Amino acid sequence: MGIYNTYVLPRLVDWACRQKPAQKQREKIIPLAHGKVLEIGIGSGLNLPFYNQNNINHLTAIDPSPDIWNQNTIDTKKLPFDFDFICASTNAIPAYNNSMDCVVMTYTLCSITNVSKAFEEIRRVLKPSGVFLFCEHGKAPDPAVRKWQNIINPIWKRLGGGCTLNKDIPAIIKSNGLKLSKMDTMYIPGWKPASFNYWGQAEMY
């Protein structure tokens, strides 16, 4: 899987994440980011055009995959706000305690293996008044779709770089120390086992 993970997977992930329905979802959530922002799992930078420059002081973005980040087509030196990219994972977020006004995560939670550690780190870096903005695909509400998610998931995970189809997104957020203040759900256009979306905002208790 070495050649696949290095050369094929980054391009497949980038292609999938660039599709119009996912881009429309980004447009709903990213403009809400404000202040000092941390984006987890920036991938190839697809969220960058959607940030509201009037609300952002500084954006720090992390991703464990330099191969996917190298698909970026935006000149980050020309962004209208301060920006840093750091190759890092959620197991050890390179930020000070209580330093972020906002943490952003889109289509990333599906591939995080140590979810409890990730949210421990998110809570650590968020200010007490901070917000967590998210948009993720996950567990579908329809039994027939969930059945296919469960059947397909083992091979999907292997081919998709750890992406999991059937994570219960709101349950994960609530069981890891954050309270949901707003959430919407819908099937976006696309392959149903991977198209049920959750998006919204959570806060510190």
C-alpha atoms as a PDB file:
ATOM      1  CA  MET A   1       0.000   0.000   0.000  1.00  0.00           C
ATOM      2  CA  GLY A   2       3.056   2.324   0.081  1.00  0.00           C
ATOM      3  CA  ILE A   3       2.755   3.573  -3.510  1.00  0.00           C
ATOM      4  CA  TYR A   4      -1.039   3.787  -3.195  1.00  0.00           C
ATOM      5  CA  ASN A   5      -0.892   5.793   0.058  1.00  0.00           C
ATOM      6  CA  THR A   6       1.822   8.137  -1.217  1.00  0.00           C
ATOM      7  CA  TYR A   7       0.749   8.831  -4.800  1.00  0.00           C
ATOM      8  CA  VAL A   8      -2.820   7.638  -5.394  1.00  0.00           C
ATOM      9  CA  LEU A   9      -4.683   8.228  -2.121  1.00  0.00           C
ATOM     10  CA  PRO A  10      -3.833  11.951  -1.730  1.00  0.00           C
ATOM     11  CA  ARG A  11      -5.208  12.650  -5.201  1.00  0.00           C
ATOM     12  CA  LEU A  12      -8.334  10.557  -4.615  1.00  0.00           C
ATOM     13  CA  VAL A  13      -9.029  12.289  -1.304  1.00  0.00           C
ATOM     14  CA  ASP A  14      -8.478  15.705  -2.838  1.00  0.00           C
ATOM     15  CA  TRP A  15     -10.733  14.902  -5.804  1.00  0.00           C
ATOM     16  CA  ALA A  16     -13.537  13.648  -3.535  1.00  0.00           C
ATOM     17  CA  CYS A  17     -13.314  16.644  -1.220  1.00  0.00           C
ATOM     18  CA  ARG A  18     -13.407  19.097  -4.144  1.00  0.00           C
ATOM     19  CA  GLN A  19     -16.830  17.958  -5.322  1.00  0.00           C
ATOM     20  CA  LYS A  20     -19.483  20.679  -5.429  1.00  0.00           C
ATOM     21  CA  PRO A  21     -21.779  19.298  -2.673  1.00  0.00           C
ATOM     22  CA  ALA A  22     -18.907  19.220  -0.171  1.00  0.00           C
ATOM     23  CA  GLN A  23     -17.840  22.708  -1.204  1.00  0.00           C
ATOM     24  CA  LYS A  24     -21.360  23.986  -0.549  1.00  0.00           C
ATOM     25  CA  GLN A  25     -21.148  22.500   2.944  1.00  0.00           C
ATOM     26  CA  ARG A  26     -17.883  24.313   3.604  1.00  0.00           C
ATOM     27  CA  GLU A  27     -19.561  27.537   2.562  1.00  0.00           C
ATOM     28  CA  LYS A  28     -22.133  27.056   5.340  1.00  0.00           C
ATOM     29  CA  ILE A  29     -19.696  26.621   8.219  1.00  0.00           C
ATOM     30  CA  ILE A  30     -16.285  28.173   7.483  1.00  0.00           C
ATOM     31  CA  PRO A  31     -17.393  31.845   7.374  1.00  0.00           C
ATOM     32  CA  LEU A  32     -18.455  31.495  11.034  1.00  0.00           C
ATOM     33  CA  ALA A  33     -14.832  31.077  12.156  1.00  0.00           C
ATOM     34  CA  HIS A  34     -13.466  34.043  14.054  1.00  0.00           C
ATOM     35  CA  GLY A  35     -10.495  35.370  15.994  1.00  0.00           C
ATOM     36  CA  LYS A  36      -7.519  33.098  16.380  1.00  0.00           C
ATOM     37  CA  VAL A  37      -8.442  29.924  14.516  1.00  0.00           C
ATOM     38  CA  LEU A  38      -7.064  26.396  14.391  1.00  0.00           C
ATOM     39  CA  GLU A  39      -8.088  24.209  11.463  1.00  0.00           C
ATOM     40  CA  ILE A  40      -7.587  20.491  12.021  1.00  0.00           C
ATOM     41  CA  GLY A  41      -7.047  18.393   8.898  1.00  0.00           C
ATOM     42  CA  ILE A  42      -6.665  21.160   6.345  1.00  0.00           C
ATOM     43  CA  GLY A  43      -5.911  18.629   3.606  1.00  0.00           C
ATOM     44  CA  SER A  44      -5.194  20.540   0.405  1.00  0.00           C
ATOM     45  CA  GLY A  45      -6.603  23.813   1.748  1.00  0.00           C
ATOM     46  CA  LEU A  46     -10.124  23.591   0.344  1.00  0.00           C
ATOM     47  CA  ASN A  47     -11.570  25.639   3.230  1.00  0.00           C
ATOM     48  CA  LEU A  48      -9.229  28.583   2.705  1.00  0.00           C
ATOM     49  CA  PRO A  49     -11.410  30.526   0.199  1.00  0.00           C
ATOM     50  CA  PHE A  50     -14.391  30.426   2.570  1.00  0.00           C
ATOM     51  CA  TYR A  51     -12.889  32.144   5.608  1.00  0.00           C
ATOM     52  CA  ASN A  52     -14.246  35.631   6.264  1.00  0.00           C
ATOM     53  CA  GLN A  53     -11.155  37.804   6.298  1.00  0.00           C
ATOM     54  CA  ASN A  54     -12.931  40.418   8.438  1.00  0.00           C
ATOM     55  CA  ASN A  55     -13.388  37.908  11.254  1.00  0.00           C
ATOM     56  CA  ILE A  56      -9.987  36.164  11.240  1.00  0.00           C
ATOM     57  CA  ASN A  57      -6.921  37.369  13.124  1.00  0.00           C
ATOM     58  CA  HIS A  58      -4.727  34.345  12.501  1.00  0.00           C
ATOM     59  CA  LEU A  59      -5.253  30.864  11.076  1.00  0.00           C
ATOM     60  CA  THR A  60      -3.078  27.931  12.095  1.00  0.00           C
ATOM     61  CA  ALA A  61      -3.709  24.789  10.060  1.00  0.00           C
ATOM     62  CA  ILE A  62      -2.477  21.292  10.809  1.00  0.00           C
ATOM     63  CA  ASP A  63      -2.511  18.053   8.855  1.00  0.00           C
ATOM     64  CA  PRO A  64      -0.494  14.856   9.304  1.00  0.00           C
ATOM     65  CA  SER A  65      -0.158  14.319   5.538  1.00  0.00           C
ATOM     66  CA  PRO A  66       2.297  16.535   3.627  1.00  0.00           C
ATOM     67  CA  ASP A  67       1.345  14.578   0.487  1.00  0.00           C
ATOM     68  CA  ILE A  68      -2.233  15.871   0.648  1.00  0.00           C
ATOM     69  CA  TRP A  69      -1.169  19.401   1.624  1.00  0.00           C
ATOM     70  CA  ASN A  70       1.079  19.446  -1.427  1.00  0.00           C
ATOM     71  CA  GLN A  71      -2.082  19.289  -3.573  1.00  0.00           C
ATOM     72  CA  ASN A  72      -2.788  22.858  -2.417  1.00  0.00           C
ATOM     73  CA  THR A  73      -3.261  25.312  -5.298  1.00  0.00           C
ATOM     74  CA  ILE A  74      -3.636  28.504  -3.237  1.00  0.00           C
ATOM     75  CA  ASP A  75      -0.724  30.883  -2.708  1.00  0.00           C
ATOM     76  CA  THR A  76      -0.951  31.130   1.067  1.00  0.00           C
ATOM     77  CA  LYS A  77       1.355  34.176   1.083  1.00  0.00           C
ATOM     78  CA  LYS A  78      -1.463  36.129  -0.581  1.00  0.00           C
ATOM     79  CA  LEU A  79      -4.151  35.216   1.959  1.00  0.00           C
ATOM     80  CA  PRO A  80      -5.758  38.281   3.570  1.00  0.00           C
ATOM     81  CA  PHE A  81      -4.940  37.020   7.077  1.00  0.00           C
ATOM     82  CA  ASP A  82      -1.921  35.569   8.858  1.00  0.00           C
ATOM     83  CA  PHE A  83      -1.516  31.867   8.138  1.00  0.00           C
ATOM     84  CA  ASP A  84       0.706  29.014   9.304  1.00  0.00           C
ATOM     85  CA  PHE A  85       0.707  25.384   8.184  1.00  0.00           C
ATOM     86  CA  ILE A  86       2.187  22.771  10.519  1.00  0.00           C
ATOM     87  CA  CYS A  87       2.545  19.078   9.727  1.00  0.00           C
ATOM     88  CA  ALA A  88       1.070  17.605  12.901  1.00  0.00           C
ATOM     89  CA  SER A  89      -1.673  15.319  14.191  1.00  0.00           C
ATOM     90  CA  THR A  90      -4.433  15.736  16.750  1.00  0.00           C
ATOM     91  CA  ASN A  91      -2.494  13.578  19.208  1.00  0.00           C
ATOM     92  CA  ALA A  92      -0.281  16.593  19.964  1.00  0.00           C
ATOM     93  CA  ILE A  93      -1.677  19.867  18.641  1.00  0.00           C
ATOM     94  CA  PRO A  94       1.122  22.466  18.446  1.00  0.00           C
ATOM     95  CA  ALA A  95      -0.715  25.254  20.285  1.00  0.00           C
ATOM     96  CA  TYR A  96      -0.754  26.715  23.788  1.00  0.00           C
ATOM     97  CA  ASN A  97      -3.482  25.998  26.327  1.00  0.00           C
ATOM     98  CA  ASN A  98      -6.565  28.226  25.990  1.00  0.00           C
ATOM     99  CA  SER A  99      -5.102  29.980  22.960  1.00  0.00           C
ATOM    100  CA  MET A 100      -7.761  29.487  20.256  1.00  0.00           C
ATOM    101  CA  ASP A 101     -11.045  31.312  19.775  1.00  0.00           C
ATOM    102  CA  CYS A 102     -12.215  28.728  17.277  1.00  0.00           C
ATOM    103  CA  VAL A 103     -11.317  25.201  16.167  1.00  0.00           C
ATOM    104  CA  VAL A 104     -12.517  24.105  12.721  1.00  0.00           C
ATOM    105  CA  MET A 105     -12.819  20.538  11.457  1.00  0.00           C
ATOM    106  CA  THR A 106     -14.383  19.474   8.152  1.00  0.00           C
ATOM    107  CA  TYR A 107     -14.451  15.924   6.757  1.00  0.00           C
ATOM    108  CA  THR A 108     -11.629  14.931   9.102  1.00  0.00           C
ATOM    109  CA  LEU A 109     -13.176  13.229  12.127  1.00  0.00           C
ATOM    110  CA  CYS A 110     -13.963  10.194   9.968  1.00  0.00           C
ATOM    111  CA  SER A 111     -10.262   9.313   9.752  1.00  0.00           C
ATOM    112  CA  ILE A 112      -9.114  10.156  13.294  1.00  0.00           C
ATOM    113  CA  THR A 113      -8.393   6.923  15.157  1.00  0.00           C
ATOM    114  CA  ASN A 114      -7.799   8.240  18.689  1.00  0.00           C
ATOM    115  CA  VAL A 115     -10.922  10.370  18.984  1.00  0.00           C
ATOM    116  CA  SER A 116     -10.738  10.844  22.760  1.00  0.00           C
ATOM    117  CA  LYS A 117      -7.169  12.158  22.535  1.00  0.00           C
ATOM    118  CA  ALA A 118      -8.134  14.486  19.679  1.00  0.00           C
ATOM    119  CA  PHE A 119     -10.916  16.072  21.716  1.00  0.00           C
ATOM    120  CA  GLU A 120      -8.735  16.246  24.790  1.00  0.00           C
ATOM    121  CA  GLU A 121      -6.353  18.346  22.699  1.00  0.00           C
ATOM    122  CA  ILE A 122      -9.189  20.429  21.217  1.00  0.00           C
ATOM    123  CA  ARG A 123     -10.503  21.248  24.687  1.00  0.00           C
ATOM    124  CA  ARG A 124      -6.978  22.069  25.835  1.00  0.00           C
ATOM    125  CA  VAL A 125      -6.315  24.665  23.123  1.00  0.00           C
ATOM    126  CA  LEU A 126      -9.786  26.259  23.093  1.00  0.00           C
ATOM    127  CA  LYS A 127     -10.444  29.296  25.231  1.00  0.00           C
ATOM    128  CA  PRO A 128     -13.299  28.845  27.741  1.00  0.00           C
ATOM    129  CA  SER A 129     -15.426  31.020  25.433  1.00  0.00           C
ATOM    130  CA  GLY A 130     -14.191  29.233  22.295  1.00  0.00           C
ATOM    131  CA  VAL A 131     -16.242  27.361  19.721  1.00  0.00           C
ATOM    132  CA  PHE A 132     -15.768  24.153  17.745  1.00  0.00           C
ATOM    133  CA  LEU A 133     -17.106  24.338  14.176  1.00  0.00           C
ATOM    134  CA  PHE A 134     -17.586  21.090  12.294  1.00  0.00           C
ATOM    135  CA  CYS A 135     -18.929  19.527   9.129  1.00  0.00           C
ATOM    136  CA  GLU A 136     -18.613  15.755   8.844  1.00  0.00           C
ATOM    137  CA  HIS A 137     -20.164  12.774   7.117  1.00  0.00           C
ATOM    138  CA  GLY A 138     -21.234   9.890   9.304  1.00  0.00           C
ATOM    139  CA  LYS A 139     -23.861   7.452  10.512  1.00  0.00           C
ATOM    140  CA  ALA A 140     -26.989   7.628   8.372  1.00  0.00           C
ATOM    141  CA  PRO A 141     -30.474   7.752   9.943  1.00  0.00           C
ATOM    142  CA  ASP A 142     -31.957   5.174   7.572  1.00  0.00           C
ATOM    143  CA  PRO A 143     -31.538   1.493   8.554  1.00  0.00           C
ATOM    144  CA  ALA A 144     -30.971   0.357   4.953  1.00  0.00           C
ATOM    145  CA  VAL A 145     -28.185   2.891   4.415  1.00  0.00           C
ATOM    146  CA  ARG A 146     -26.633   2.102   7.810  1.00  0.00           C
ATOM    147  CA  LYS A 147     -26.601  -1.575   6.893  1.00  0.00           C
ATOM    148  CA  TRP A 148     -24.545  -0.822   3.783  1.00  0.00           C
ATOM    149  CA  GLN A 149     -22.280   1.492   5.745  1.00  0.00           C
ATOM    150  CA  ASN A 150     -21.522  -1.325   8.186  1.00  0.00           C
ATOM    151  CA  ILE A 151     -20.930  -3.864   5.410  1.00  0.00           C
ATOM    152  CA  ILE A 152     -18.717  -1.643   3.270  1.00  0.00           C
ATOM    153  CA  ASN A 153     -16.824   0.090   6.068  1.00  0.00           C
ATOM    154  CA  PRO A 154     -13.921  -2.378   6.597  1.00  0.00           C
ATOM    155  CA  ILE A 155     -12.740  -2.257   2.973  1.00  0.00           C
ATOM    156  CA  TRP A 156     -13.624   1.444   2.664  1.00  0.00           C
ATOM    157  CA  LYS A 157     -11.432   2.213   5.659  1.00  0.00           C
ATOM    158  CA  ARG A 158      -8.505   0.397   4.116  1.00  0.00           C
ATOM    159  CA  LEU A 159      -8.831   2.077   0.726  1.00  0.00           C
ATOM    160  CA  GLY A 160      -9.781   5.482   2.116  1.00  0.00           C
ATOM    161  CA  GLY A 161      -6.824   6.120   4.380  1.00  0.00           C
ATOM    162  CA  GLY A 162      -8.732   5.273   7.559  1.00  0.00           C
ATOM    163  CA  CYS A 163     -11.970   7.046   6.612  1.00  0.00           C
ATOM    164  CA  THR A 164     -14.903   5.553   8.549  1.00  0.00           C
ATOM    165  CA  LEU A 165     -18.405   5.699   7.086  1.00  0.00           C
ATOM    166  CA  ASN A 166     -20.536   5.115  10.176  1.00  0.00           C
ATOM    167  CA  LYS A 167     -19.253   7.317  13.000  1.00  0.00           C
ATOM    168  CA  ASP A 168     -21.992   8.807  15.208  1.00  0.00           C
ATOM    169  CA  ILE A 169     -20.787  12.402  14.974  1.00  0.00           C
ATOM    170  CA  PRO A 170     -23.041  14.114  17.574  1.00  0.00           C
ATOM    171  CA  ALA A 171     -22.519  11.288  20.071  1.00  0.00           C
ATOM    172  CA  ILE A 172     -18.748  11.560  19.660  1.00  0.00           C
ATOM    173  CA  ILE A 173     -18.783  15.321  20.224  1.00  0.00           C
ATOM    174  CA  LYS A 174     -21.066  15.154  23.252  1.00  0.00           C
ATOM    175  CA  SER A 175     -19.225  12.250  24.855  1.00  0.00           C
ATOM    176  CA  ASN A 176     -15.913  14.061  24.570  1.00  0.00           C
ATOM    177  CA  GLY A 177     -16.558  17.114  26.681  1.00  0.00           C
ATOM    178  CA  LEU A 178     -18.295  19.563  24.346  1.00  0.00           C
ATOM    179  CA  LYS A 179     -21.945  20.636  24.181  1.00  0.00           C
ATOM    180  CA  LEU A 180     -23.737  21.047  20.876  1.00  0.00           C
ATOM    181  CA  SER A 181     -25.238  24.522  20.519  1.00  0.00           C
ATOM    182  CA  LYS A 182     -26.345  24.109  16.908  1.00  0.00           C
ATOM    183  CA  MET A 183     -26.445  21.229  14.441  1.00  0.00           C
ATOM    184  CA  ASP A 184     -28.061  20.519  11.080  1.00  0.00           C
ATOM    185  CA  THR A 185     -28.166  17.293   9.094  1.00  0.00           C
ATOM    186  CA  MET A 186     -28.972  16.185   5.566  1.00  0.00           C
ATOM    187  CA  TYR A 187     -27.993  13.858   2.762  1.00  0.00           C
ATOM    188  CA  ILE A 188     -25.893  15.849   0.331  1.00  0.00           C
ATOM    189  CA  PRO A 189     -25.865  14.731  -3.334  1.00  0.00           C
ATOM    190  CA  GLY A 190     -23.648  11.722  -3.848  1.00  0.00           C
ATOM    191  CA  TRP A 191     -23.147   8.108  -2.851  1.00  0.00           C
ATOM    192  CA  LYS A 192     -25.536   7.606   0.085  1.00  0.00           C
ATOM    193  CA  PRO A 193     -23.278   5.603   2.432  1.00  0.00           C
ATOM    194  CA  ALA A 194     -20.856   8.551   2.478  1.00  0.00           C
ATOM    195  CA  SER A 195     -23.243  11.472   2.033  1.00  0.00           C
ATOM    196  CA  PHE A 196     -25.137  11.961   5.298  1.00  0.00           C
ATOM    197  CA  ASN A 197     -23.722  15.173   6.748  1.00  0.00           C
ATOM    198  CA  TYR A 198     -23.715  16.724  10.207  1.00  0.00           C
ATOM    199  CA  TRP A 199     -22.624  20.339  10.609  1.00  0.00           C
ATOM    200  CA  GLY A 200     -22.807  22.948  13.325  1.00  0.00           C
ATOM    201  CA  GLN A 201     -21.185  24.355  16.419  1.00  0.00           C
ATOM    202  CA  ALA A 202     -20.195  23.065  19.858  1.00  0.00           C
ATOM    203  CA  GLU A 203     -18.899  24.861  22.913  1.00  0.00           C
ATOM    204  CA  MET A 204     -17.028  24.221  26.126  1.00  0.00           C
ATOM    205  CA  TYR A 205     -19.027  23.315  29.231  1.00  0.00           C
END
